[in-house]
C-alpha cells in the first residue's frame, strides 16, 4: 500500500471508529462489535508501513512488513538511550519538591 493510500485508509478507519463509538448509545452489541473490528483494522493499518525512529536525535527510517507491532527504534542503542533518559526524568520528578497551589 502506498503512503497516500495508507494515510487515507487510516483516516477513514478513525472516522468509522468515532462513528461506532457514537453508536454505542443505540444497539450496544452491534456497536461494540463494529468498534472492536474497526479499531483492530485501524491498528493493523497504522502498525505497518514506513516510519522513523522514535529517538529524538535519530532520523533513520523503519520499514516493517510483518505481524505484530512495528518497532519504535532502529537499534538497541536508540531504545536504550530513550529508556535511560526517561528513567532520569522520572527520578528527577520523584526527587523534586512539591509546590502547593494557592
PDB file of N, CA and C in Angstrom:
ATOM      1  N   UNK A   1       0.857  -1.159   0.000  1.00  0.00           N
ATOM      2  CA  UNK A   1       0.000   0.000   0.000  1.00  0.00           C
ATOM      3  C   UNK A   1       0.910   1.231   0.000  1.00  0.00           C
ATOM      4  N   UNK A   2       0.667   2.169  -0.918  1.00  0.00           N
ATOM      5  CA  UNK A   2       1.496   3.375  -0.961  1.00  0.00           C
ATOM      6  C   UNK A   2       1.125   4.314   0.191  1.00  0.00           C
ATOM      7  N   UNK A   3       1.998   5.267   0.452  1.00  0.00           N
ATOM      8  CA  UNK A   3       1.844   6.137   1.625  1.00  0.00           C
ATOM      9  C   UNK A   3       0.548   6.935   1.596  1.00  0.00           C
ATOM     10  N   UNK A   4       0.212   7.501   0.436  1.00  0.00           N
ATOM     11  CA  UNK A   4      -1.013   8.303   0.337  1.00  0.00           C
ATOM     12  C   UNK A   4      -2.241   7.451   0.629  1.00  0.00           C
ATOM     13  N   UNK A   5      -2.293   6.284   0.040  1.00  0.00           N
ATOM     14  CA  UNK A   5      -3.430   5.391   0.246  1.00  0.00           C
ATOM     15  C   UNK A   5      -3.490   4.940   1.709  1.00  0.00           C
ATOM     16  N   UNK A   6      -2.343   4.670   2.274  1.00  0.00           N
ATOM     17  CA  UNK A   6      -2.274   4.247   3.672  1.00  0.00           C
ATOM     18  C   UNK A   6      -2.853   5.330   4.591  1.00  0.00           C
ATOM     19  N   UNK A   7      -2.490   6.582   4.349  1.00  0.00           N
ATOM     20  CA  UNK A   7      -2.994   7.700   5.152  1.00  0.00           C
ATOM     21  C   UNK A   7      -4.507   7.818   5.003  1.00  0.00           C
ATOM     22  N   UNK A   8      -5.002   7.652   3.781  1.00  0.00           N
ATOM     23  CA  UNK A   8      -6.447   7.731   3.545  1.00  0.00           C
ATOM     24  C   UNK A   8      -7.183   6.625   4.288  1.00  0.00           C
ATOM     25  N   UNK A   9      -6.649   5.412   4.226  1.00  0.00           N
ATOM     26  CA  UNK A   9      -7.296   4.281   4.895  1.00  0.00           C
ATOM     27  C   UNK A   9      -7.332   4.505   6.405  1.00  0.00           C
ATOM     28  N   UNK A  10      -6.216   4.970   6.961  1.00  0.00           N
ATOM     29  CA  UNK A  10      -6.176   5.230   8.408  1.00  0.00           C
ATOM     30  C   UNK A  10      -7.182   6.308   8.802  1.00  0.00           C
ATOM     31  N   UNK A  11      -7.303   7.358   7.988  1.00  0.00           N
ATOM     32  CA  UNK A  11      -8.260   8.429   8.282  1.00  0.00           C
ATOM     33  C   UNK A  11      -9.691   7.903   8.232  1.00  0.00           C
ATOM     34  N   UNK A  12      -9.996   7.089   7.235  1.00  0.00           N
ATOM     35  CA  UNK A  12     -11.339   6.510   7.137  1.00  0.00           C
ATOM     36  C   UNK A  12     -11.635   5.598   8.324  1.00  0.00           C
ATOM     37  N   UNK A  13     -10.659   4.813   8.714  1.00  0.00           N
ATOM     38  CA  UNK A  13     -10.868   3.926   9.850  1.00  0.00           C
ATOM     39  C   UNK A  13     -11.058   4.706  11.147  1.00  0.00           C
ATOM     40  N   UNK A  14     -10.333   5.810  11.309  1.00  0.00           N
ATOM     41  CA  UNK A  14     -10.527   6.648  12.501  1.00  0.00           C
ATOM     42  C   UNK A  14     -11.943   7.218  12.517  1.00  0.00           C
ATOM     43  N   UNK A  15     -12.411   7.666  11.355  1.00  0.00           N
ATOM     44  CA  UNK A  15     -13.764   8.223  11.252  1.00  0.00           C
ATOM     45  C   UNK A  15     -14.803   7.152  11.586  1.00  0.00           C
ATOM     46  N   UNK A  16     -14.611   5.956  11.043  1.00  0.00           N
ATOM     47  CA  UNK A  16     -15.546   4.866  11.312  1.00  0.00           C
ATOM     48  C   UNK A  16     -15.507   4.468  12.785  1.00  0.00           C
ATOM     49  N   UNK A  17     -14.330   4.485  13.373  1.00  0.00           N
ATOM     50  CA  UNK A  17     -14.200   4.162  14.793  1.00  0.00           C
ATOM     51  C   UNK A  17     -14.951   5.183  15.644  1.00  0.00           C
ATOM     52  N   UNK A  18     -14.835   6.450  15.293  1.00  0.00           N
ATOM     53  CA  UNK A  18     -15.536   7.509  16.010  1.00  0.00           C
ATOM     54  C   UNK A  18     -17.050   7.336  15.879  1.00  0.00           C
ATOM     55  N   UNK A  19     -17.506   7.015  14.670  1.00  0.00           N
ATOM     56  CA  UNK A  19     -18.937   6.801  14.446  1.00  0.00           C
ATOM     57  C   UNK A  19     -19.442   5.604  15.244  1.00  0.00           C
ATOM     58  N   UNK A  20     -18.636   4.563  15.322  1.00  0.00           N
ATOM     59  CA  UNK A  20     -19.036   3.385  16.091  1.00  0.00           C
ATOM     60  C   UNK A  20     -19.123   3.711  17.583  1.00  0.00           C
ATOM     61  N   UNK A  21     -18.206   4.546  18.066  1.00  0.00           N
ATOM     62  CA  UNK A  21     -18.274   4.954  19.472  1.00  0.00           C
ATOM     63  C   UNK A  21     -19.550   5.745  19.737  1.00  0.00           C
ATOM     64  N   UNK A  22     -19.922   6.600  18.792  1.00  0.00           N
ATOM     65  CA  UNK A  22     -21.159   7.364  18.938  1.00  0.00           C
ATOM     66  C   UNK A  22     -22.379   6.452  18.925  1.00  0.00           C
ATOM     67  N   UNK A  23     -22.283   5.350  18.202  1.00  0.00           N
ATOM     68  CA  UNK A  23     -23.410   4.427  18.084  1.00  0.00           C
ATOM     69  C   UNK A  23     -23.611   3.576  19.332  1.00  0.00           C
ATOM     70  N   UNK A  24     -22.705   3.667  20.267  1.00  0.00           N
ATOM     71  CA  UNK A  24     -22.847   2.872  21.488  1.00  0.00           C
ATOM     72  C   UNK A  24     -24.133   3.190  22.251  1.00  0.00           C
ATOM     73  N   UNK A  25     -24.723   4.332  21.997  1.00  0.00           N
ATOM     74  CA  UNK A  25     -25.977   4.680  22.666  1.00  0.00           C
ATOM     75  C   UNK A  25     -27.159   3.906  22.101  1.00  0.00           C
ATOM     76  N   UNK A  26     -27.028   3.379  20.888  1.00  0.00           N
ATOM     77  CA  UNK A  26     -28.112   2.625  20.251  1.00  0.00           C
ATOM     78  C   UNK A  26     -27.983   1.139  20.540  1.00  0.00           C
ATOM     79  N   UNK A  27     -27.760   0.353  19.489  1.00  0.00           N
ATOM     80  CA  UNK A  27     -27.628  -1.100  19.586  1.00  0.00           C
ATOM     81  C   UNK A  27     -26.260  -1.426  20.180  1.00  0.00           C
ATOM     82  N   UNK A  28     -26.246  -1.732  21.452  1.00  0.00           N
ATOM     83  CA  UNK A  28     -24.991  -1.924  22.176  1.00  0.00           C
ATOM     84  C   UNK A  28     -24.144  -3.067  21.617  1.00  0.00           C
ATOM     85  N   UNK A  29     -24.742  -4.200  21.354  1.00  0.00           N
ATOM     86  CA  UNK A  29     -23.976  -5.364  20.892  1.00  0.00           C
ATOM     87  C   UNK A  29     -23.362  -5.113  19.517  1.00  0.00           C
ATOM     88  N   UNK A  30     -24.159  -4.585  18.605  1.00  0.00           N
ATOM     89  CA  UNK A  30     -23.658  -4.318  17.254  1.00  0.00           C
ATOM     90  C   UNK A  30     -22.604  -3.223  17.265  1.00  0.00           C
ATOM     91  N   UNK A  31     -22.836  -2.205  18.063  1.00  0.00           N
ATOM     92  CA  UNK A  31     -21.884  -1.098  18.127  1.00  0.00           C
ATOM     93  C   UNK A  31     -20.547  -1.562  18.704  1.00  0.00           C
ATOM     94  N   UNK A  32     -20.594  -2.379  19.747  1.00  0.00           N
ATOM     95  CA  UNK A  32     -19.347  -2.873  20.351  1.00  0.00           C
ATOM     96  C   UNK A  32     -18.581  -3.763  19.375  1.00  0.00           C
ATOM     97  N   UNK A  33     -19.316  -4.610  18.670  1.00  0.00           N
ATOM     98  CA  UNK A  33     -18.688  -5.489  17.685  1.00  0.00           C
ATOM     99  C   UNK A  33     -18.042  -4.681  16.567  1.00  0.00           C
ATOM    100  N   UNK A  34     -18.771  -3.685  16.060  1.00  0.00           N
ATOM    101  CA  UNK A  34     -18.248  -2.823  14.999  1.00  0.00           C
ATOM    102  C   UNK A  34     -17.029  -2.060  15.481  1.00  0.00           C
ATOM    103  N   UNK A  35     -17.113  -1.513  16.664  1.00  0.00           N
ATOM    104  CA  UNK A  35     -15.999  -0.753  17.221  1.00  0.00           C
ATOM    105  C   UNK A  35     -14.754  -1.626  17.359  1.00  0.00           C
ATOM    106  N   UNK A  36     -14.908  -2.839  17.853  1.00  0.00           N
ATOM    107  CA  UNK A  36     -13.762  -3.734  18.019  1.00  0.00           C
ATOM    108  C   UNK A  36     -13.120  -4.069  16.677  1.00  0.00           C
ATOM    109  N   UNK A  37     -13.934  -4.353  15.676  1.00  0.00           N
ATOM    110  CA  UNK A  37     -13.406  -4.688  14.352  1.00  0.00           C
ATOM    111  C   UNK A  37     -12.698  -3.505  13.712  1.00  0.00           C
ATOM    112  N   UNK A  38     -13.314  -2.345  13.787  1.00  0.00           N
ATOM    113  CA  UNK A  38     -12.728  -1.148  13.173  1.00  0.00           C
ATOM    114  C   UNK A  38     -11.448  -0.746  13.897  1.00  0.00           C
ATOM    115  N   UNK A  39     -11.452  -0.830  15.215  1.00  0.00           N
ATOM    116  CA  UNK A  39     -10.254  -0.495  15.984  1.00  0.00           C
ATOM    117  C   UNK A  39      -9.108  -1.425  15.617  1.00  0.00           C
ATOM    118  N   UNK A  40      -9.395  -2.708  15.505  1.00  0.00           N
ATOM    119  CA  UNK A  40      -8.369  -3.679  15.129  1.00  0.00           C
ATOM    120  C   UNK A  40      -7.825  -3.394  13.732  1.00  0.00           C
ATOM    121  N   UNK A  41      -8.718  -3.094  12.787  1.00  0.00           N
ATOM    122  CA  UNK A  41      -8.286  -2.794  11.417  1.00  0.00           C
ATOM    123  C   UNK A  41      -7.421  -1.539  11.372  1.00  0.00           C
ATOM    124  N   UNK A  42      -7.807  -0.514  12.116  1.00  0.00           N
ATOM    125  CA  UNK A  42      -7.017   0.720  12.144  1.00  0.00           C
ATOM    126  C   UNK A  42      -5.637   0.472  12.732  1.00  0.00           C
ATOM    127  N   UNK A  43      -5.586  -0.262  13.833  1.00  0.00           N
ATOM    128  CA  UNK A  43      -4.297  -0.532  14.464  1.00  0.00           C
ATOM    129  C   UNK A  43      -3.389  -1.330  13.536  1.00  0.00           C
ATOM    130  N   UNK A  44      -3.954  -2.288  12.836  1.00  0.00           N
ATOM    131  CA  UNK A  44      -3.146  -3.067  11.892  1.00  0.00           C
ATOM    132  C   UNK A  44      -2.644  -2.195  10.751  1.00  0.00           C
ATOM    133  N   UNK A  45      -3.490  -1.304  10.264  1.00  0.00           N
ATOM    134  CA  UNK A  45      -3.079  -0.422   9.166  1.00  0.00           C
ATOM    135  C   UNK A  45      -2.015   0.565   9.620  1.00  0.00           C
ATOM    136  N   UNK A  46      -2.139   1.073  10.838  1.00  0.00           N
ATOM    137  CA  UNK A  46      -1.171   2.045  11.338  1.00  0.00           C
ATOM    138  C   UNK A  46       0.144   1.395  11.742  1.00  0.00           C
ATOM    139  N   UNK A  47       0.121   0.123  12.106  1.00  0.00           N
ATOM    140  CA  UNK A  47       1.329  -0.546  12.568  1.00  0.00           C
ATOM    141  C   UNK A  47       2.166  -1.137  11.446  1.00  0.00           C
ATOM    142  N   UNK A  48       1.800  -0.907  10.199  1.00  0.00           N
ATOM    143  CA  UNK A  48       2.600  -1.377   9.080  1.00  0.00           C
ATOM    144  C   UNK A  48       3.030  -0.186   8.255  1.00  0.00           C
ATOM    145  N   UNK A  49       4.004  -0.388   7.434  1.00  0.00           N
ATOM    146  CA  UNK A  49       4.471   0.688   6.574  1.00  0.00           C
ATOM    147  C   UNK A  49       5.674   1.392   7.153  1.00  0.00           C
ATOM    148  N   UNK A  50       6.161   2.412   6.462  1.00  0.00           N
ATOM    149  CA  UNK A  50       7.372   3.095   6.897  1.00  0.00           C
ATOM    150  C   UNK A  50       7.116   4.006   8.087  1.00  0.00           C
ATOM    151  N   UNK A  51       8.178   4.305   8.782  1.00  0.00           N
ATOM    152  CA  UNK A  51       8.123   5.224   9.908  1.00  0.00           C
ATOM    153  C   UNK A  51       9.535   5.659  10.231  1.00  0.00           C
ATOM    154  N   UNK A  52       9.676   6.495  11.231  1.00  0.00           N
ATOM    155  CA  UNK A  52      11.010   6.923  11.639  1.00  0.00           C
ATOM    156  C   UNK A  52      11.252   6.497  13.077  1.00  0.00           C
ATOM    157  N   UNK A  53      12.501   6.399  13.420  1.00  0.00           N
ATOM    158  CA  UNK A  53      12.920   6.013  14.764  1.00  0.00           C
ATOM    159  C   UNK A  53      12.359   7.020  15.773  1.00  0.00           C
ATOM    160  N   UNK A  54      11.917   6.523  16.926  1.00  0.00           N
ATOM    161  CA  UNK A  54      11.318   7.385  17.951  1.00  0.00           C
ATOM    162  C   UNK A  54      12.355   8.148  18.769  1.00  0.00           C
ATOM    163  N   UNK A  55      13.622   7.865  18.591  1.00  0.00           N
ATOM    164  CA  UNK A  55      14.686   8.600  19.297  1.00  0.00           C
ATOM    165  C   UNK A  55      14.700  10.025  18.757  1.00  0.00           C
ATOM    166  N   UNK A  56      14.684  11.045  19.619  1.00  0.00           N
ATOM    167  CA  UNK A  56      14.583  12.435  19.147  1.00  0.00           C
ATOM    168  C   UNK A  56      15.757  12.904  18.288  1.00  0.00           C
ATOM    169  N   UNK A  57      16.928  12.286  18.435  1.00  0.00           N
ATOM    170  CA  UNK A  57      18.096  12.700  17.653  1.00  0.00           C
ATOM    171  C   UNK A  57      18.412  11.745  16.511  1.00  0.00           C
ATOM    172  N   UNK A  58      17.474  10.894  16.144  1.00  0.00           N
ATOM    173  CA  UNK A  58      17.693   9.905  15.087  1.00  0.00           C
ATOM    174  C   UNK A  58      16.618  10.074  14.025  1.00  0.00           C
ATOM    175  N   UNK A  59      17.016  10.015  12.787  1.00  0.00           N
ATOM    176  CA  UNK A  59      16.031  10.144  11.703  1.00  0.00           C
ATOM    177  C   UNK A  59      16.049   8.926  10.786  1.00  0.00           C
ATOM    178  N   UNK A  60      16.536   7.796  11.286  1.00  0.00           N
ATOM    179  CA  UNK A  60      16.549   6.576  10.475  1.00  0.00           C
ATOM    180  C   UNK A  60      15.122   6.132  10.185  1.00  0.00           C
ATOM    181  N   UNK A  61      14.900   5.685   8.955  1.00  0.00           N
ATOM    182  CA  UNK A  61      13.575   5.188   8.584  1.00  0.00           C
ATOM    183  C   UNK A  61      13.436   3.730   8.966  1.00  0.00           C
ATOM    184  N   UNK A  62      12.252   3.378   9.405  1.00  0.00           N
ATOM    185  CA  UNK A  62      11.937   1.999   9.740  1.00  0.00           C
ATOM    186  C   UNK A  62      10.989   1.460   8.683  1.00  0.00           C
ATOM    187  N   UNK A  63      11.311   0.324   8.120  1.00  0.00           N
ATOM    188  CA  UNK A  63      10.429  -0.330   7.154  1.00  0.00           C
ATOM    189  C   UNK A  63      10.067  -1.687   7.740  1.00  0.00           C
ATOM    190  N   UNK A  64       8.813  -1.824   8.086  1.00  0.00           N
ATOM    191  CA  UNK A  64       8.371  -3.048   8.743  1.00  0.00           C
ATOM    192  C   UNK A  64       7.219  -3.649   7.966  1.00  0.00           C
ATOM    193  N   UNK A  65       7.397  -4.876   7.553  1.00  0.00           N
ATOM    194  CA  UNK A  65       6.322  -5.616   6.908  1.00  0.00           C
ATOM    195  C   UNK A  65       6.259  -6.945   7.631  1.00  0.00           C
ATOM    196  N   UNK A  66       5.266  -7.107   8.425  1.00  0.00           N
ATOM    197  CA  UNK A  66       5.163  -8.340   9.183  1.00  0.00           C
ATOM    198  C   UNK A  66       3.997  -8.290  10.126  1.00  0.00           C
ATOM    199  N   UNK A  67       4.018  -9.175  11.058  1.00  0.00           N
ATOM    200  CA  UNK A  67       2.933  -9.244  12.028  1.00  0.00           C
ATOM    201  C   UNK A  67       3.344  -8.584  13.323  1.00  0.00           C
ATOM    202  N   UNK A  68       2.365  -8.216  14.078  1.00  0.00           N
ATOM    203  CA  UNK A  68       2.639  -7.614  15.363  1.00  0.00           C
ATOM    204  C   UNK A  68       2.928  -6.137  15.247  1.00  0.00           C
ATOM    205  N   UNK A  69       3.431  -5.602  16.319  1.00  0.00           N
ATOM    206  CA  UNK A  69       3.707  -4.169  16.381  1.00  0.00           C
ATOM    207  C   UNK A  69       4.977  -3.799  15.657  1.00  0.00           C
ATOM    208  N   UNK A  70       4.943  -2.659  15.014  1.00  0.00           N
ATOM    209  CA  UNK A  70       6.119  -2.105  14.353  1.00  0.00           C
ATOM    210  C   UNK A  70       7.089  -1.647  15.434  1.00  0.00           C
ATOM    211  N   UNK A  71       8.391  -1.867  15.245  1.00  0.00           N
ATOM    212  CA  UNK A  71       9.343  -1.403  16.254  1.00  0.00           C
ATOM    213  C   UNK A  71       9.382   0.120  16.312  1.00  0.00           C
ATOM    214  N   UNK A  72       9.660   0.666  17.486  1.00  0.00           N
ATOM    215  CA  UNK A  72       9.730   2.117  17.643  1.00  0.00           C
ATOM    216  C   UNK A  72      11.122   2.659  17.360  1.00  0.00           C
ATOM    217  N   UNK A  73      12.138   1.824  17.534  1.00  0.00           N
ATOM    218  CA  UNK A  73      13.520   2.290  17.425  1.00  0.00           C
ATOM    219  C   UNK A  73      14.265   1.484  16.368  1.00  0.00           C
ATOM    220  N   UNK A  74      15.266   2.130  15.768  1.00  0.00           N
ATOM    221  CA  UNK A  74      16.032   1.472  14.713  1.00  0.00           C
ATOM    222  C   UNK A  74      17.112   0.556  15.275  1.00  0.00           C
ATOM    223  N   UNK A  75      17.487   0.755  16.528  1.00  0.00           N
ATOM    224  CA  UNK A  75      18.554  -0.062  17.111  1.00  0.00           C
ATOM    225  C   UNK A  75      18.369  -0.165  18.621  1.00  0.00           C
ATOM    226  N   UNK A  76      19.108  -1.106  19.189  1.00  0.00           N
ATOM    227  CA  UNK A  76      19.081  -1.258  20.647  1.00  0.00           C
ATOM    228  C   UNK A  76      19.676  -0.022  21.316  1.00  0.00           C
ATOM    229  N   UNK A  77      20.643   0.606  20.668  1.00  0.00           N
ATOM    230  CA  UNK A  77      21.267   1.812  21.226  1.00  0.00           C
ATOM    231  C   UNK A  77      20.247   2.944  21.371  1.00  0.00           C
ATOM    232  N   UNK A  78      19.440   3.174  20.326  1.00  0.00           N
ATOM    233  CA  UNK A  78      18.407   4.220  20.397  1.00  0.00           C
ATOM    234  C   UNK A  78      17.390   3.897  21.490  1.00  0.00           C
ATOM    235  N   UNK A  79      16.971   2.643  21.550  1.00  0.00           N
ATOM    236  CA  UNK A  79      15.988   2.233  22.555  1.00  0.00           C
ATOM    237  C   UNK A  79      16.549   2.448  23.965  1.00  0.00           C
ATOM    238  N   UNK A  80      17.805   2.069  24.181  1.00  0.00           N
ATOM    239  CA  UNK A  80      18.438   2.222  25.487  1.00  0.00           C
ATOM    240  C   UNK A  80      18.589   3.690  25.864  1.00  0.00           C
ATOM    241  N   UNK A  81      19.001   4.528  24.913  1.00  0.00           N
ATOM    242  CA  UNK A  81      19.147   5.965  25.183  1.00  0.00           C
ATOM    243  C   UNK A  81      17.832   6.581  25.648  1.00  0.00           C
ATOM    244  N   UNK A  82      16.746   6.263  24.950  1.00  0.00           N
ATOM    245  CA  UNK A  82      15.439   6.822  25.308  1.00  0.00           C
ATOM    246  C   UNK A  82      14.990   6.289  26.665  1.00  0.00           C
ATOM    247  N   UNK A  83      15.204   5.009  26.904  1.00  0.00           N
ATOM    248  CA  UNK A  83      14.823   4.418  28.191  1.00  0.00           C
ATOM    249  C   UNK A  83      15.576   5.091  29.339  1.00  0.00           C
ATOM    250  N   UNK A  84      16.886   5.270  29.165  1.00  0.00           N
ATOM    251  CA  UNK A  84      17.683   5.887  30.222  1.00  0.00           C
ATOM    252  C   UNK A  84      17.273   7.336  30.462  1.00  0.00           C
ATOM    253  N   UNK A  85      16.973   8.072  29.401  1.00  0.00           N
ATOM    254  CA  UNK A  85      16.525   9.460  29.555  1.00  0.00           C
ATOM    255  C   UNK A  85      15.189   9.513  30.289  1.00  0.00           C
ATOM    256  N   UNK A  86      14.306   8.586  29.977  1.00  0.00           N
ATOM    257  CA  UNK A  86      13.006   8.520  30.647  1.00  0.00           C
ATOM    258  C   UNK A  86      13.188   8.219  32.133  1.00  0.00           C
ATOM    259  N   UNK A  87      14.083   7.289  32.441  1.00  0.00           N
ATOM    260  CA  UNK A  87      14.342   6.942  33.839  1.00  0.00           C
ATOM    261  C   UNK A  87      14.921   8.125  34.608  1.00  0.00           C
ATOM    262  N   UNK A  88      15.850   8.858  33.991  1.00  0.00           N
ATOM    263  CA  UNK A  88      16.436  10.027  34.652  1.00  0.00           C
ATOM    264  C   UNK A  88      15.380  11.095  34.903  1.00  0.00           C
ATOM    265  N   UNK A  89      14.484  11.308  33.934  1.00  0.00           N
ATOM    266  CA  UNK A  89      13.415  12.294  34.107  1.00  0.00           C
ATOM    267  C   UNK A  89      12.465  11.866  35.221  1.00  0.00           C
ATOM    268  N   UNK A  90      12.150  10.582  35.280  1.00  0.00           N
ATOM    269  CA  UNK A  90      11.257  10.078  36.326  1.00  0.00           C
ATOM    270  C   UNK A  90      11.887  10.254  37.705  1.00  0.00           C
ATOM    271  N   UNK A  91      13.178   9.952  37.811  1.00  0.00           N
ATOM    272  CA  UNK A  91      13.863  10.128  39.100  1.00  0.00           C
ATOM    273  C   UNK A  91      13.872  11.590  39.521  1.00  0.00           C
ATOM    274  N   UNK A  92      14.082  12.482  38.549  1.00  0.00           N
ATOM    275  CA  UNK A  92      14.085  13.916  38.853  1.00  0.00           C
ATOM    276  C   UNK A  92      12.715  14.365  39.347  1.00  0.00           C
ATOM    277  N   UNK A  93      11.647  13.821  38.757  1.00  0.00           N
ATOM    278  CA  UNK A  93      10.296  14.176  39.199  1.00  0.00           C
ATOM    279  C   UNK A  93      10.022  13.667  40.607  1.00  0.00           C
ATOM    280  N   UNK A  94      10.502  12.474  40.907  1.00  0.00           N
ATOM    281  CA  UNK A  94      10.281  11.901  42.230  1.00  0.00           C
ATOM    282  C   UNK A  94      11.014  12.713  43.290  1.00  0.00           C
ATOM    283  N   UNK A  95      12.207  13.189  42.971  1.00  0.00           N
ATOM    284  CA  UNK A  95      13.013  13.943  43.928  1.00  0.00           C
ATOM    285  C   UNK A  95      12.629  15.411  44.004  1.00  0.00           C
ATOM    286  N   UNK A  96      11.876  15.914  43.038  1.00  0.00           N
ATOM    287  CA  UNK A  96      11.517  17.337  43.003  1.00  0.00           C
ATOM    288  C   UNK A  96      10.604  17.672  44.175  1.00  0.00           C
ATOM    289  N   UNK A  97      10.857  18.804  44.830  1.00  0.00           N
ATOM    290  CA  UNK A  97       9.981  19.197  45.943  1.00  0.00           C
ATOM    291  C   UNK A  97       8.599  19.581  45.417  1.00  0.00           C
ATOM    292  N   UNK A  98       7.604  19.255  46.200  1.00  0.00           N
ATOM    293  CA  UNK A  98       6.232  19.599  45.807  1.00  0.00           C
ATOM    294  C   UNK A  98       5.977  21.064  46.089  1.00  0.00           C
ATOM    295  N   UNK A  99       5.257  21.692  45.184  1.00  0.00           N
ATOM    296  CA  UNK A  99       4.842  23.075  45.407  1.00  0.00           C
ATOM    297  C   UNK A  99       3.337  23.069  45.582  1.00  0.00           C
ATOM    298  N   UNK A 100       2.885  23.684  46.635  1.00  0.00           N
ATOM    299  CA  UNK A 100       1.457  23.731  46.931  1.00  0.00           C
ATOM    300  C   UNK A 100       0.801  24.848  46.135  1.00  0.00           C
ATOM    301  N   UNK A 101      -0.321  24.543  45.520  1.00  0.00           N
ATOM    302  CA  UNK A 101      -1.085  25.552  44.770  1.00  0.00           C
ATOM    303  C   UNK A 101      -1.829  26.437  45.765  1.00  0.00           C
ATOM    304  N   UNK A 102      -1.842  27.724  45.485  1.00  0.00           N
ATOM    305  CA  UNK A 102      -2.507  28.675  46.389  1.00  0.00           C
ATOM    306  C   UNK A 102      -3.913  28.917  45.926  1.00  0.00           C
TER     307      UNK A 102
END
